[in-house]
PDB file of all heavy atoms in Angstrom:
ATOM      1  N   LEU A   1      -6.417 -18.258   1.274  1.00  0.00           N
ATOM      2  CA  LEU A   1      -6.336 -19.105   0.089  1.00  0.00           C
ATOM      3  C   LEU A   1      -5.255 -18.614  -0.856  1.00  0.00           C
ATOM      4  O   LEU A   1      -4.510 -19.402  -1.444  1.00  0.00           O
ATOM      5  CB  LEU A   1      -7.691 -19.131  -0.623  1.00  0.00           C
ATOM      6  CG  LEU A   1      -7.756 -19.918  -1.934  1.00  0.00           C
ATOM      7  CD1 LEU A   1      -7.507 -21.401  -1.685  1.00  0.00           C
ATOM      8  CD2 LEU A   1      -9.109 -19.712  -2.608  1.00  0.00           C
ATOM      9  N   CYS A   2      -5.148 -17.294  -1.005  1.00  0.00           N
ATOM     10  CA  CYS A   2      -4.109 -16.722  -1.870  1.00  0.00           C
ATOM     11  C   CYS A   2      -2.731 -16.969  -1.275  1.00  0.00           C
ATOM     12  O   CYS A   2      -1.815 -17.400  -1.962  1.00  0.00           O
ATOM     13  CB  CYS A   2      -4.347 -15.223  -2.042  1.00  0.00           C
ATOM     14  SG  CYS A   2      -3.087 -14.387  -3.022  1.00  0.00           S
ATOM     15  N   GLY A   3      -2.601 -16.683   0.022  1.00  0.00           N
ATOM     16  CA  GLY A   3      -1.312 -16.856   0.677  1.00  0.00           C
ATOM     17  C   GLY A   3      -0.349 -15.734   0.358  1.00  0.00           C
ATOM     18  O   GLY A   3      -0.619 -14.848  -0.455  1.00  0.00           O
ATOM     19  N   ALA A   4       0.801 -15.758   1.009  1.00  0.00           N
ATOM     20  CA  ALA A   4       1.839 -14.748   0.805  1.00  0.00           C
ATOM     21  C   ALA A   4       3.161 -15.291   1.304  1.00  0.00           C
ATOM     22  O   ALA A   4       3.214 -15.977   2.324  1.00  0.00           O
ATOM     23  CB  ALA A   4       1.494 -13.447   1.537  1.00  0.00           C
ATOM     24  N   SER A   5       4.231 -14.987   0.596  1.00  0.00           N
ATOM     25  CA  SER A   5       5.564 -15.341   1.068  1.00  0.00           C
ATOM     26  C   SER A   5       5.956 -14.496   2.269  1.00  0.00           C
ATOM     27  O   SER A   5       6.739 -14.925   3.118  1.00  0.00           O
ATOM     28  CB  SER A   5       6.599 -15.149  -0.048  1.00  0.00           C
ATOM     29  OG  SER A   5       6.285 -15.925  -1.184  1.00  0.00           O
ATOM     30  N   HIS A   6       5.416 -13.259   2.324  1.00  0.00           N
ATOM     31  CA  HIS A   6       5.667 -12.359   3.434  1.00  0.00           C
ATOM     32  C   HIS A   6       4.627 -11.257   3.389  1.00  0.00           C
ATOM     33  O   HIS A   6       3.972 -11.032   2.360  1.00  0.00           O
ATOM     34  CB  HIS A   6       7.078 -11.752   3.371  1.00  0.00           C
ATOM     35  CG  HIS A   6       7.341 -10.964   2.117  1.00  0.00           C
ATOM     36  ND1 HIS A   6       7.589 -11.562   0.895  1.00  0.00           N
ATOM     37  CD2 HIS A   6       7.382  -9.617   1.883  1.00  0.00           C
ATOM     38  CE1 HIS A   6       7.782 -10.647  -0.024  1.00  0.00           C
ATOM     39  NE2 HIS A   6       7.654  -9.456   0.541  1.00  0.00           N
ATOM     40  N   LEU A   7       4.439 -10.567   4.490  1.00  0.00           N
ATOM     41  CA  LEU A   7       3.655  -9.350   4.536  1.00  0.00           C
ATOM     42  C   LEU A   7       4.608  -8.171   4.627  1.00  0.00           C
ATOM     43  O   LEU A   7       5.518  -8.172   5.456  1.00  0.00           O
ATOM     44  CB  LEU A   7       2.707  -9.349   5.738  1.00  0.00           C
ATOM     45  CG  LEU A   7       1.607 -10.407   5.773  1.00  0.00           C
ATOM     46  CD1 LEU A   7       0.764 -10.248   7.029  1.00  0.00           C
ATOM     47  CD2 LEU A   7       0.727 -10.332   4.532  1.00  0.00           C
ATOM     48  N   LEU A   8       4.400  -7.189   3.770  1.00  0.00           N
ATOM     49  CA  LEU A   8       5.225  -5.982   3.779  1.00  0.00           C
ATOM     50  C   LEU A   8       4.405  -4.888   4.454  1.00  0.00           C
ATOM     51  O   LEU A   8       3.517  -4.289   3.845  1.00  0.00           O
ATOM     52  CB  LEU A   8       5.617  -5.585   2.360  1.00  0.00           C
ATOM     53  CG  LEU A   8       6.529  -4.367   2.228  1.00  0.00           C
ATOM     54  CD1 LEU A   8       7.844  -4.573   2.957  1.00  0.00           C
ATOM     55  CD2 LEU A   8       6.789  -4.045   0.756  1.00  0.00           C
ATOM     56  N   LEU A   9       4.702  -4.641   5.709  1.00  0.00           N
ATOM     57  CA  LEU A   9       3.880  -3.810   6.576  1.00  0.00           C
ATOM     58  C   LEU A   9       4.464  -2.405   6.690  1.00  0.00           C
ATOM     59  O   LEU A   9       5.604  -2.233   7.120  1.00  0.00           O
ATOM     60  CB  LEU A   9       3.808  -4.457   7.965  1.00  0.00           C
ATOM     61  CG  LEU A   9       3.012  -3.746   9.056  1.00  0.00           C
ATOM     62  CD1 LEU A   9       1.543  -3.708   8.698  1.00  0.00           C
ATOM     63  CD2 LEU A   9       3.216  -4.480  10.387  1.00  0.00           C
ATOM     64  N   ARG A  10       3.684  -1.394   6.278  1.00  0.00           N
ATOM     65  CA  ARG A  10       4.124  -0.006   6.441  1.00  0.00           C
ATOM     66  C   ARG A  10       3.569   0.534   7.749  1.00  0.00           C
ATOM     67  O   ARG A  10       2.360   0.481   7.993  1.00  0.00           O
ATOM     68  CB  ARG A  10       3.665   0.871   5.286  1.00  0.00           C
ATOM     69  CG  ARG A  10       4.127   2.321   5.410  1.00  0.00           C
ATOM     70  CD  ARG A  10       3.907   3.129   4.159  1.00  0.00           C
ATOM     71  NE  ARG A  10       4.767   2.668   3.071  1.00  0.00           N
ATOM     72  CZ  ARG A  10       4.881   3.307   1.895  1.00  0.00           C
ATOM     73  NH1 ARG A  10       4.200   4.424   1.673  1.00  0.00           N
ATOM     74  NH2 ARG A  10       5.676   2.826   0.955  1.00  0.00           N
ATOM     75  N   VAL A  11       4.466   1.059   8.585  1.00  0.00           N
ATOM     76  CA  VAL A  11       4.058   1.597   9.882  1.00  0.00           C
ATOM     77  C   VAL A  11       4.611   3.006  10.039  1.00  0.00           C
ATOM     78  O   VAL A  11       5.676   3.339   9.521  1.00  0.00           O
ATOM     79  CB  VAL A  11       4.543   0.701  11.048  1.00  0.00           C
ATOM     80  CG1 VAL A  11       3.838  -0.640  11.022  1.00  0.00           C
ATOM     81  CG2 VAL A  11       6.049   0.510  11.007  1.00  0.00           C
ATOM     82  N   GLU A  12       3.854   3.840  10.755  1.00  0.00           N
ATOM     83  CA  GLU A  12       4.249   5.209  11.053  1.00  0.00           C
ATOM     84  C   GLU A  12       3.655   5.593  12.388  1.00  0.00           C
ATOM     85  O   GLU A  12       2.973   4.782  13.044  1.00  0.00           O
ATOM     86  CB  GLU A  12       3.794   6.144   9.945  1.00  0.00           C
ATOM     87  CG  GLU A  12       2.321   6.039   9.598  1.00  0.00           C
ATOM     88  CD  GLU A  12       1.970   6.870   8.372  1.00  0.00           C
ATOM     89  OE1 GLU A  12       2.173   8.097   8.440  1.00  0.00           O
ATOM     90  OE2 GLU A  12       1.514   6.295   7.374  1.00  0.00           O
ATOM     91  N   SER A  13       3.886   6.825  12.814  1.00  0.00           N
ATOM     92  CA  SER A  13       3.465   7.225  14.152  1.00  0.00           C
ATOM     93  C   SER A  13       1.961   7.116  14.343  1.00  0.00           C
ATOM     94  O   SER A  13       1.478   6.850  15.449  1.00  0.00           O
ATOM     95  CB  SER A  13       3.925   8.658  14.443  1.00  0.00           C
ATOM     96  OG  SER A  13       3.372   9.564  13.490  1.00  0.00           O
ATOM     97  N   ALA A  14       1.173   7.293  13.259  1.00  0.00           N
ATOM     98  CA  ALA A  14      -0.284   7.260  13.378  1.00  0.00           C
ATOM     99  C   ALA A  14      -0.856   5.849  13.304  1.00  0.00           C
ATOM    100  O   ALA A  14      -2.064   5.667  13.469  1.00  0.00           O
ATOM    101  CB  ALA A  14      -0.914   8.129  12.291  1.00  0.00           C
ATOM    102  N   THR A  15      -0.024   4.852  13.025  1.00  0.00           N
ATOM    103  CA  THR A  15      -0.522   3.483  12.912  1.00  0.00           C
ATOM    104  C   THR A  15      -1.069   3.011  14.261  1.00  0.00           C
ATOM    105  O   THR A  15      -0.396   3.125  15.282  1.00  0.00           O
ATOM    106  CB  THR A  15       0.597   2.539  12.439  1.00  0.00           C
ATOM    107  OG1 THR A  15       1.107   3.012  11.193  1.00  0.00           O
ATOM    108  CG2 THR A  15       0.072   1.127  12.256  1.00  0.00           C
ATOM    109  N   SER A  16      -2.277   2.462  14.245  1.00  0.00           N
ATOM    110  CA  SER A  16      -2.946   2.120  15.507  1.00  0.00           C
ATOM    111  C   SER A  16      -2.510   0.749  16.021  1.00  0.00           C
ATOM    112  O   SER A  16      -2.211  -0.156  15.234  1.00  0.00           O
ATOM    113  CB  SER A  16      -4.457   2.124  15.313  1.00  0.00           C
ATOM    114  OG  SER A  16      -4.865   1.020  14.521  1.00  0.00           O
ATOM    115  N   PRO A  17      -2.495   0.566  17.335  1.00  0.00           N
ATOM    116  CA  PRO A  17      -2.211  -0.753  17.914  1.00  0.00           C
ATOM    117  C   PRO A  17      -3.205  -1.822  17.450  1.00  0.00           C
ATOM    118  O   PRO A  17      -2.828  -2.974  17.266  1.00  0.00           O
ATOM    119  CB  PRO A  17      -2.310  -0.507  19.422  1.00  0.00           C
ATOM    120  CG  PRO A  17      -2.012   0.949  19.594  1.00  0.00           C
ATOM    121  CD  PRO A  17      -2.599   1.612  18.385  1.00  0.00           C
ATOM    122  N   ALA A  18      -4.474  -1.429  17.244  1.00  0.00           N
ATOM    123  CA  ALA A  18      -5.479  -2.403  16.806  1.00  0.00           C
ATOM    124  C   ALA A  18      -5.126  -2.966  15.428  1.00  0.00           C
ATOM    125  O   ALA A  18      -5.253  -4.176  15.183  1.00  0.00           O
ATOM    126  CB  ALA A  18      -6.860  -1.756  16.777  1.00  0.00           C
ATOM    127  N   PHE A  19      -4.671  -2.093  14.527  1.00  0.00           N
ATOM    128  CA  PHE A  19      -4.273  -2.569  13.205  1.00  0.00           C
ATOM    129  C   PHE A  19      -3.066  -3.495  13.290  1.00  0.00           C
ATOM    130  O   PHE A  19      -3.012  -4.536  12.628  1.00  0.00           O
ATOM    131  CB  PHE A  19      -3.955  -1.379  12.296  1.00  0.00           C
ATOM    132  CG  PHE A  19      -3.242  -1.771  11.029  1.00  0.00           C
ATOM    133  CD1 PHE A  19      -3.903  -2.449  10.016  1.00  0.00           C
ATOM    134  CD2 PHE A  19      -1.894  -1.484  10.865  1.00  0.00           C
ATOM    135  CE1 PHE A  19      -3.236  -2.829   8.858  1.00  0.00           C
ATOM    136  CE2 PHE A  19      -1.224  -1.851   9.715  1.00  0.00           C
ATOM    137  CZ  PHE A  19      -1.899  -2.530   8.707  1.00  0.00           C
ATOM    138  N   LEU A  20      -2.081  -3.150  14.107  1.00  0.00           N
ATOM    139  CA  LEU A  20      -0.893  -3.997  14.244  1.00  0.00           C
ATOM    140  C   LEU A  20      -1.263  -5.374  14.777  1.00  0.00           C
ATOM    141  O   LEU A  20      -0.721  -6.396  14.325  1.00  0.00           O
ATOM    142  CB  LEU A  20       0.127  -3.325  15.158  1.00  0.00           C
ATOM    143  CG  LEU A  20       0.772  -2.035  14.627  1.00  0.00           C
ATOM    144  CD1 LEU A  20       1.696  -1.437  15.672  1.00  0.00           C
ATOM    145  CD2 LEU A  20       1.519  -2.290  13.323  1.00  0.00           C
ATOM    146  N   ALA A  21      -2.215  -5.414  15.715  1.00  0.00           N
ATOM    147  CA  ALA A  21      -2.645  -6.708  16.245  1.00  0.00           C
ATOM    148  C   ALA A  21      -3.304  -7.548  15.159  1.00  0.00           C
ATOM    149  O   ALA A  21      -3.075  -8.764  15.062  1.00  0.00           O
ATOM    150  CB  ALA A  21      -3.608  -6.490  17.410  1.00  0.00           C
ATOM    151  N   LYS A  22      -4.129  -6.921  14.303  1.00  0.00           N
ATOM    152  CA  LYS A  22      -4.768  -7.645  13.214  1.00  0.00           C
ATOM    153  C   LYS A  22      -3.738  -8.116  12.182  1.00  0.00           C
ATOM    154  O   LYS A  22      -3.857  -9.211  11.632  1.00  0.00           O
ATOM    155  CB  LYS A  22      -5.817  -6.768  12.546  1.00  0.00           C
ATOM    156  CG  LYS A  22      -7.028  -6.480  13.412  1.00  0.00           C
ATOM    157  CD  LYS A  22      -8.010  -5.557  12.692  1.00  0.00           C
ATOM    158  CE  LYS A  22      -9.217  -5.248  13.557  1.00  0.00           C
ATOM    159  NZ  LYS A  22     -10.161  -4.316  12.891  1.00  0.00           N
ATOM    160  N   ALA A  23      -2.732  -7.282  11.918  1.00  0.00           N
ATOM    161  CA  ALA A  23      -1.673  -7.679  10.986  1.00  0.00           C
ATOM    162  C   ALA A  23      -0.921  -8.887  11.515  1.00  0.00           C
ATOM    163  O   ALA A  23      -0.582  -9.811  10.767  1.00  0.00           O
ATOM    164  CB  ALA A  23      -0.723  -6.516  10.740  1.00  0.00           C
ATOM    165  N   ALA A  24      -0.653  -8.908  12.832  1.00  0.00           N
ATOM    166  CA  ALA A  24       0.033 -10.049  13.438  1.00  0.00           C
ATOM    167  C   ALA A  24      -0.814 -11.306  13.328  1.00  0.00           C
ATOM    168  O   ALA A  24      -0.300 -12.401  13.065  1.00  0.00           O
ATOM    169  CB  ALA A  24       0.348  -9.748  14.900  1.00  0.00           C
ATOM    170  N   THR A  25      -2.123 -11.167  13.497  1.00  0.00           N
ATOM    171  CA  THR A  25      -3.027 -12.318  13.369  1.00  0.00           C
ATOM    172  C   THR A  25      -3.013 -12.856  11.951  1.00  0.00           C
ATOM    173  O   THR A  25      -2.978 -14.077  11.728  1.00  0.00           O
ATOM    174  CB  THR A  25      -4.453 -11.914  13.773  1.00  0.00           C
ATOM    175  OG1 THR A  25      -4.450 -11.484  15.143  1.00  0.00           O
ATOM    176  CG2 THR A  25      -5.412 -13.073  13.614  1.00  0.00           C
ATOM    177  N   LEU A  26      -3.057 -11.957  10.966  1.00  0.00           N
ATOM    178  CA  LEU A  26      -3.018 -12.393   9.568  1.00  0.00           C
ATOM    179  C   LEU A  26      -1.701 -13.090   9.261  1.00  0.00           C
ATOM    180  O   LEU A  26      -1.680 -14.146   8.601  1.00  0.00           O
ATOM    181  CB  LEU A  26      -3.205 -11.196   8.635  1.00  0.00           C
ATOM    182  CG  LEU A  26      -3.113 -11.497   7.131  1.00  0.00           C
ATOM    183  CD1 LEU A  26      -4.187 -12.480   6.704  1.00  0.00           C
ATOM    184  CD2 LEU A  26      -3.192 -10.210   6.315  1.00  0.00           C
ATOM    185  N   ALA A  27      -0.595 -12.536   9.713  1.00  0.00           N
ATOM    186  CA  ALA A  27       0.711 -13.155   9.468  1.00  0.00           C
ATOM    187  C   ALA A  27       0.760 -14.556  10.058  1.00  0.00           C
ATOM    188  O   ALA A  27       1.297 -15.485   9.435  1.00  0.00           O
ATOM    189  CB  ALA A  27       1.823 -12.286  10.054  1.00  0.00           C
ATOM    190  N   SER A  28       0.201 -14.733  11.242  1.00  0.00           N
ATOM    191  CA  SER A  28       0.173 -16.050  11.870  1.00  0.00           C
ATOM    192  C   SER A  28      -0.680 -17.014  11.060  1.00  0.00           C
ATOM    193  O   SER A  28      -0.299 -18.173  10.838  1.00  0.00           O
ATOM    194  CB  SER A  28      -0.360 -15.929  13.299  1.00  0.00           C
ATOM    195  OG  SER A  28      -0.452 -17.198  13.914  1.00  0.00           O
ATOM    196  N   ALA A  29      -1.845 -16.541  10.595  1.00  0.00           N
ATOM    197  CA  ALA A  29      -2.734 -17.406   9.818  1.00  0.00           C
ATOM    198  C   ALA A  29      -2.091 -17.829   8.504  1.00  0.00           C
ATOM    199  O   ALA A  29      -2.302 -18.953   8.026  1.00  0.00           O
ATOM    200  CB  ALA A  29      -4.047 -16.685   9.564  1.00  0.00           C
ATOM    201  N   LEU A  30      -1.305 -16.943   7.900  1.00  0.00           N
ATOM    202  CA  LEU A  30      -0.648 -17.240   6.623  1.00  0.00           C
ATOM    203  C   LEU A  30       0.697 -17.929   6.804  1.00  0.00           C
ATOM    204  O   LEU A  30       1.297 -18.357   5.813  1.00  0.00           O
ATOM    205  CB  LEU A  30      -0.433 -15.939   5.831  1.00  0.00           C
ATOM    206  CG  LEU A  30      -1.666 -15.147   5.408  1.00  0.00           C
ATOM    207  CD1 LEU A  30      -1.253 -13.874   4.684  1.00  0.00           C
ATOM    208  CD2 LEU A  30      -2.569 -15.985   4.514  1.00  0.00           C
ATOM    209  N   ALA A  31       1.166 -18.010   8.049  1.00  0.00           N
ATOM    210  CA  ALA A  31       2.516 -18.496   8.334  1.00  0.00           C
ATOM    211  C   ALA A  31       3.525 -17.700   7.515  1.00  0.00           C
ATOM    212  O   ALA A  31       4.492 -18.237   6.952  1.00  0.00           O
ATOM    213  CB  ALA A  31       2.632 -19.989   8.033  1.00  0.00           C
ATOM    214  N   ALA A  32       3.294 -16.379   7.452  1.00  0.00           N
ATOM    215  CA  ALA A  32       4.124 -15.491   6.646  1.00  0.00           C
ATOM    216  C   ALA A  32       4.875 -14.532   7.546  1.00  0.00           C
ATOM    217  O   ALA A  32       4.270 -13.870   8.402  1.00  0.00           O
ATOM    218  CB  ALA A  32       3.260 -14.703   5.668  1.00  0.00           C
ATOM    219  N   PRO A  33       6.182 -14.415   7.401  1.00  0.00           N
ATOM    220  CA  PRO A  33       6.935 -13.429   8.192  1.00  0.00           C
ATOM    221  C   PRO A  33       6.555 -12.011   7.793  1.00  0.00           C
ATOM    222  O   PRO A  33       6.015 -11.773   6.698  1.00  0.00           O
ATOM    223  CB  PRO A  33       8.388 -13.737   7.850  1.00  0.00           C
ATOM    224  CG  PRO A  33       8.328 -14.407   6.518  1.00  0.00           C
ATOM    225  CD  PRO A  33       7.043 -15.171   6.483  1.00  0.00           C
ATOM    226  N   ILE A  34       6.849 -11.069   8.668  1.00  0.00           N
ATOM    227  CA  ILE A  34       6.542  -9.663   8.417  1.00  0.00           C
ATOM    228  C   ILE A  34       7.825  -8.894   8.146  1.00  0.00           C
ATOM    229  O   ILE A  34       8.788  -8.975   8.912  1.00  0.00           O
ATOM    230  CB  ILE A  34       5.794  -9.045   9.611  1.00  0.00           C
ATOM    231  CG1 ILE A  34       4.370  -9.611   9.680  1.00  0.00           C
ATOM    232  CG2 ILE A  34       5.748  -7.526   9.506  1.00  0.00           C
ATOM    233  CD1 ILE A  34       3.551  -9.062  10.830  1.00  0.00           C
ATOM    234  N   ASP A  35       7.849  -8.188   7.023  1.00  0.00           N
ATOM    235  CA  ASP A  35       8.866  -7.187   6.742  1.00  0.00           C
ATOM    236  C   ASP A  35       8.221  -5.827   6.961  1.00  0.00           C
ATOM    237  O   ASP A  35       7.011  -5.663   6.740  1.00  0.00           O
ATOM    238  CB  ASP A  35       9.367  -7.291   5.304  1.00  0.00           C
ATOM    239  CG  ASP A  35      10.092  -8.605   5.018  1.00  0.00           C
ATOM    240  OD1 ASP A  35      10.371  -9.352   5.976  1.00  0.00           O
ATOM    241  OD2 ASP A  35      10.354  -8.881   3.836  1.00  0.00           O
ATOM    242  N   THR A  36       8.984  -4.833   7.377  1.00  0.00           N
ATOM    243  CA  THR A  36       8.388  -3.539   7.681  1.00  0.00           C
ATOM    244  C   THR A  36       9.044  -2.407   6.907  1.00  0.00           C
ATOM    245  O   THR A  36      10.265  -2.354   6.742  1.00  0.00           O
ATOM    246  CB  THR A  36       8.471  -3.215   9.187  1.00  0.00           C
ATOM    247  OG1 THR A  36       9.822  -3.316   9.616  1.00  0.00           O
ATOM    248  CG2 THR A  36       7.601  -4.142   9.993  1.00  0.00           C
TER     249      THR A  36
END
């Protein structure tokens, strides 16, 4: 409902694949590109 122009995603060596998959799902739902 809030929406976003973009997601600003911070990633590092410890970032889990499960979190990245959820971030991709959220970006798709918001139709928001990802900046990293």
